[in-house]
Amino acid sequence: MCMLPLTLLKIGEKAELFKLGIKSDINDGINENLFRLCEMGFKSGELVEILQTGDTVILIKIHNSRIAISRQIANKIYVRKI
C-alpha cells in the first residue's frame, strides 16, 4: 500500500497513521504542532477517519475524539488507506 498525506483522503475514508513529517533540524510552528499531536497520541498504527474537510481545516476522528487540524499540518501527516 502507498503512503499519502492526510489531506488527500475524502470524507468517510479511514486510514492508518504511518508517520508525521517532523524535521528535527527545523524549529517552526508546523513542527511544534506536529510534536503536540504526538503528545496527543498520534503515532504509527493509529486509525483515523476523515469527518469533514474545508478550505483551511480537516476534522478527523482518532481515539473516539474529534480533532480539527489545519490543512498545512495535515499535509505533513502520512497515512495508508484501509
N, C-alpha and C. Protein backbone atom coordinates (compact mmCIF):
# COMPACT_ATOMS: atom_id res chain seq x y z
N MET A 1 0.84 -1.19 0.00
CA MET A 1 0.00 0.00 0.00
C MET A 1 0.88 1.25 0.00
N CYS A 2 0.38 2.28 -0.64
CA CYS A 2 1.18 3.50 -0.72
C CYS A 2 0.85 4.45 0.43
N MET A 3 1.79 5.29 0.71
CA MET A 3 1.67 6.29 1.76
C MET A 3 1.27 7.60 1.10
N LEU A 4 0.33 8.33 1.72
CA LEU A 4 -0.10 9.60 1.16
C LEU A 4 -0.42 10.58 2.27
N PRO A 5 -0.42 11.88 1.99
CA PRO A 5 -0.75 12.87 3.01
C PRO A 5 -2.23 12.77 3.40
N LEU A 6 -2.51 13.06 4.64
CA LEU A 6 -3.87 13.03 5.17
C LEU A 6 -4.82 13.91 4.36
N THR A 7 -4.30 14.98 3.77
CA THR A 7 -5.13 15.92 3.00
C THR A 7 -5.75 15.30 1.75
N LEU A 8 -5.21 14.17 1.29
CA LEU A 8 -5.74 13.55 0.06
C LEU A 8 -6.91 12.60 0.32
N LEU A 9 -7.23 12.35 1.59
CA LEU A 9 -8.38 11.48 1.89
C LEU A 9 -9.68 12.25 1.75
N LYS A 10 -10.74 11.52 1.46
CA LYS A 10 -12.07 12.11 1.32
C LYS A 10 -12.90 11.82 2.55
N ILE A 11 -13.98 12.56 2.72
CA ILE A 11 -14.88 12.36 3.85
C ILE A 11 -15.33 10.90 3.92
N GLY A 12 -15.25 10.33 5.12
CA GLY A 12 -15.65 8.95 5.33
C GLY A 12 -14.53 7.94 5.16
N GLU A 13 -13.43 8.34 4.54
CA GLU A 13 -12.32 7.40 4.36
C GLU A 13 -11.56 7.22 5.67
N LYS A 14 -11.09 5.99 5.86
CA LYS A 14 -10.31 5.65 7.04
C LYS A 14 -8.90 5.29 6.61
N ALA A 15 -7.96 5.55 7.51
CA ALA A 15 -6.56 5.27 7.21
C ALA A 15 -5.80 4.98 8.49
N GLU A 16 -4.65 4.38 8.30
CA GLU A 16 -3.74 4.09 9.40
C GLU A 16 -2.62 5.13 9.36
N LEU A 17 -2.35 5.76 10.51
CA LEU A 17 -1.25 6.72 10.56
C LEU A 17 0.05 5.99 10.27
N PHE A 18 0.87 6.58 9.43
CA PHE A 18 2.15 5.99 9.10
C PHE A 18 3.28 6.77 9.75
N LYS A 19 3.31 8.08 9.51
CA LYS A 19 4.34 8.91 10.15
C LYS A 19 3.96 10.38 10.09
N LEU A 20 4.55 11.14 11.00
CA LEU A 20 4.41 12.59 10.99
C LEU A 20 5.69 13.15 10.40
N GLY A 21 5.55 14.10 9.50
CA GLY A 21 6.71 14.66 8.80
C GLY A 21 7.47 15.67 9.61
N ILE A 22 7.94 15.27 10.78
CA ILE A 22 8.69 16.17 11.66
C ILE A 22 10.14 16.19 11.20
N LYS A 23 10.69 17.39 11.09
CA LYS A 23 12.10 17.55 10.73
C LYS A 23 12.84 18.08 11.95
N SER A 24 13.75 17.29 12.44
CA SER A 24 14.44 17.62 13.69
C SER A 24 15.31 18.88 13.60
N ASP A 25 15.70 19.26 12.40
CA ASP A 25 16.58 20.42 12.26
C ASP A 25 15.83 21.73 12.05
N ILE A 26 14.51 21.68 12.07
CA ILE A 26 13.71 22.89 11.84
C ILE A 26 12.88 23.17 13.08
N ASN A 27 12.92 24.42 13.54
CA ASN A 27 12.13 24.82 14.71
C ASN A 27 11.12 25.86 14.25
N ASP A 28 9.94 25.39 13.84
CA ASP A 28 8.91 26.30 13.37
C ASP A 28 7.55 25.89 13.94
N GLY A 29 6.54 26.64 13.63
CA GLY A 29 5.20 26.36 14.15
C GLY A 29 4.64 25.03 13.70
N ILE A 30 4.96 24.61 12.49
CA ILE A 30 4.45 23.34 11.99
C ILE A 30 5.04 22.19 12.80
N ASN A 31 6.34 22.21 13.02
CA ASN A 31 6.96 21.16 13.83
C ASN A 31 6.40 21.14 15.24
N GLU A 32 6.21 22.31 15.84
CA GLU A 32 5.66 22.39 17.20
C GLU A 32 4.28 21.74 17.24
N ASN A 33 3.46 22.01 16.25
CA ASN A 33 2.12 21.42 16.21
C ASN A 33 2.19 19.91 15.99
N LEU A 34 3.11 19.45 15.16
CA LEU A 34 3.26 18.01 14.95
C LEU A 34 3.72 17.32 16.24
N PHE A 35 4.64 17.96 16.98
CA PHE A 35 5.06 17.40 18.27
C PHE A 35 3.88 17.32 19.22
N ARG A 36 3.04 18.34 19.20
CA ARG A 36 1.85 18.36 20.08
C ARG A 36 0.92 17.21 19.72
N LEU A 37 0.74 16.94 18.42
CA LEU A 37 -0.09 15.81 18.01
C LEU A 37 0.49 14.49 18.52
N CYS A 38 1.80 14.36 18.50
CA CYS A 38 2.44 13.16 19.05
C CYS A 38 2.08 13.00 20.53
N GLU A 39 2.12 14.10 21.25
CA GLU A 39 1.77 14.07 22.67
C GLU A 39 0.31 13.68 22.88
N MET A 40 -0.54 13.96 21.89
CA MET A 40 -1.97 13.63 21.98
C MET A 40 -2.27 12.20 21.52
N GLY A 41 -1.24 11.44 21.16
CA GLY A 41 -1.46 10.05 20.79
C GLY A 41 -1.39 9.74 19.31
N PHE A 42 -1.03 10.71 18.50
CA PHE A 42 -0.86 10.46 17.06
C PHE A 42 0.43 9.69 16.87
N LYS A 43 0.32 8.41 16.56
CA LYS A 43 1.52 7.60 16.35
C LYS A 43 1.22 6.54 15.30
N SER A 44 2.25 5.96 14.77
CA SER A 44 2.09 4.95 13.73
C SER A 44 1.16 3.84 14.18
N GLY A 45 0.28 3.44 13.26
CA GLY A 45 -0.64 2.35 13.54
C GLY A 45 -2.01 2.78 14.02
N GLU A 46 -2.15 4.03 14.47
CA GLU A 46 -3.45 4.52 14.94
C GLU A 46 -4.38 4.73 13.74
N LEU A 47 -5.66 4.48 13.95
CA LEU A 47 -6.64 4.65 12.88
C LEU A 47 -7.28 6.03 12.95
N VAL A 48 -7.45 6.64 11.79
CA VAL A 48 -8.12 7.94 11.70
C VAL A 48 -9.21 7.86 10.64
N GLU A 49 -10.21 8.70 10.80
CA GLU A 49 -11.29 8.80 9.82
C GLU A 49 -11.53 10.27 9.52
N ILE A 50 -11.72 10.59 8.25
CA ILE A 50 -12.00 11.97 7.85
C ILE A 50 -13.50 12.22 8.05
N LEU A 51 -13.81 13.21 8.89
CA LEU A 51 -15.21 13.55 9.16
C LEU A 51 -15.69 14.72 8.32
N GLN A 52 -14.80 15.68 8.10
CA GLN A 52 -15.19 16.88 7.36
C GLN A 52 -13.94 17.55 6.81
N THR A 53 -14.06 18.15 5.65
CA THR A 53 -12.94 18.90 5.08
C THR A 53 -13.40 20.30 4.72
N GLY A 54 -12.49 21.22 4.83
CA GLY A 54 -12.77 22.60 4.47
C GLY A 54 -11.57 23.19 3.76
N ASP A 55 -11.67 24.47 3.45
CA ASP A 55 -10.56 25.12 2.75
C ASP A 55 -9.30 25.19 3.59
N THR A 56 -9.45 25.35 4.90
CA THR A 56 -8.27 25.52 5.75
C THR A 56 -8.13 24.46 6.84
N VAL A 57 -9.20 23.70 7.10
CA VAL A 57 -9.20 22.76 8.23
C VAL A 57 -9.78 21.41 7.82
N ILE A 58 -9.26 20.35 8.44
CA ILE A 58 -9.78 18.99 8.27
C ILE A 58 -10.20 18.50 9.65
N LEU A 59 -11.40 17.95 9.75
CA LEU A 59 -11.88 17.37 11.01
C LEU A 59 -11.72 15.87 10.92
N ILE A 60 -10.98 15.31 11.89
CA ILE A 60 -10.75 13.86 11.88
C ILE A 60 -11.22 13.24 13.18
N LYS A 61 -11.42 11.93 13.12
CA LYS A 61 -11.75 11.16 14.32
C LYS A 61 -10.56 10.26 14.61
N ILE A 62 -10.08 10.31 15.84
CA ILE A 62 -9.00 9.44 16.32
C ILE A 62 -9.22 9.20 17.80
N HIS A 63 -9.08 7.97 18.24
CA HIS A 63 -9.30 7.60 19.65
C HIS A 63 -10.68 8.04 20.15
N ASN A 64 -11.71 7.91 19.34
CA ASN A 64 -13.06 8.34 19.70
C ASN A 64 -13.16 9.83 20.02
N SER A 65 -12.20 10.61 19.54
CA SER A 65 -12.23 12.07 19.70
C SER A 65 -12.25 12.70 18.32
N ARG A 66 -12.79 13.90 18.27
CA ARG A 66 -12.78 14.68 17.03
C ARG A 66 -11.76 15.80 17.19
N ILE A 67 -10.90 15.92 16.19
CA ILE A 67 -9.84 16.92 16.26
C ILE A 67 -9.78 17.66 14.92
N ALA A 68 -9.74 18.98 15.00
CA ALA A 68 -9.59 19.80 13.80
C ALA A 68 -8.11 20.11 13.61
N ILE A 69 -7.64 19.89 12.39
CA ILE A 69 -6.23 20.10 12.06
C ILE A 69 -6.16 20.99 10.82
N SER A 70 -5.25 21.94 10.83
CA SER A 70 -5.11 22.78 9.64
C SER A 70 -4.61 21.93 8.48
N ARG A 71 -4.97 22.33 7.28
CA ARG A 71 -4.52 21.60 6.08
C ARG A 71 -2.99 21.61 5.99
N GLN A 72 -2.38 22.70 6.42
CA GLN A 72 -0.92 22.81 6.38
C GLN A 72 -0.28 21.72 7.25
N ILE A 73 -0.84 21.49 8.43
CA ILE A 73 -0.33 20.44 9.32
C ILE A 73 -0.71 19.07 8.76
N ALA A 74 -1.96 18.91 8.32
CA ALA A 74 -2.43 17.62 7.81
C ALA A 74 -1.62 17.16 6.61
N ASN A 75 -1.08 18.09 5.87
CA ASN A 75 -0.27 17.74 4.71
C ASN A 75 1.06 17.10 5.11
N LYS A 76 1.44 17.22 6.37
CA LYS A 76 2.69 16.63 6.90
C LYS A 76 2.43 15.32 7.64
N ILE A 77 1.16 14.87 7.66
CA ILE A 77 0.79 13.61 8.31
C ILE A 77 0.56 12.58 7.21
N TYR A 78 1.34 11.52 7.22
CA TYR A 78 1.27 10.50 6.19
C TYR A 78 0.51 9.27 6.68
N VAL A 79 -0.36 8.75 5.82
CA VAL A 79 -1.24 7.64 6.19
C VAL A 79 -1.24 6.58 5.09
N ARG A 80 -1.80 5.42 5.44
CA ARG A 80 -2.09 4.36 4.47
C ARG A 80 -3.58 4.09 4.52
N LYS A 81 -4.24 4.15 3.38
CA LYS A 81 -5.68 3.86 3.34
C LYS A 81 -5.95 2.43 3.76
N ILE A 82 -7.10 2.23 4.40
CA ILE A 82 -7.51 0.86 4.76
C ILE A 82 -8.87 0.58 4.19
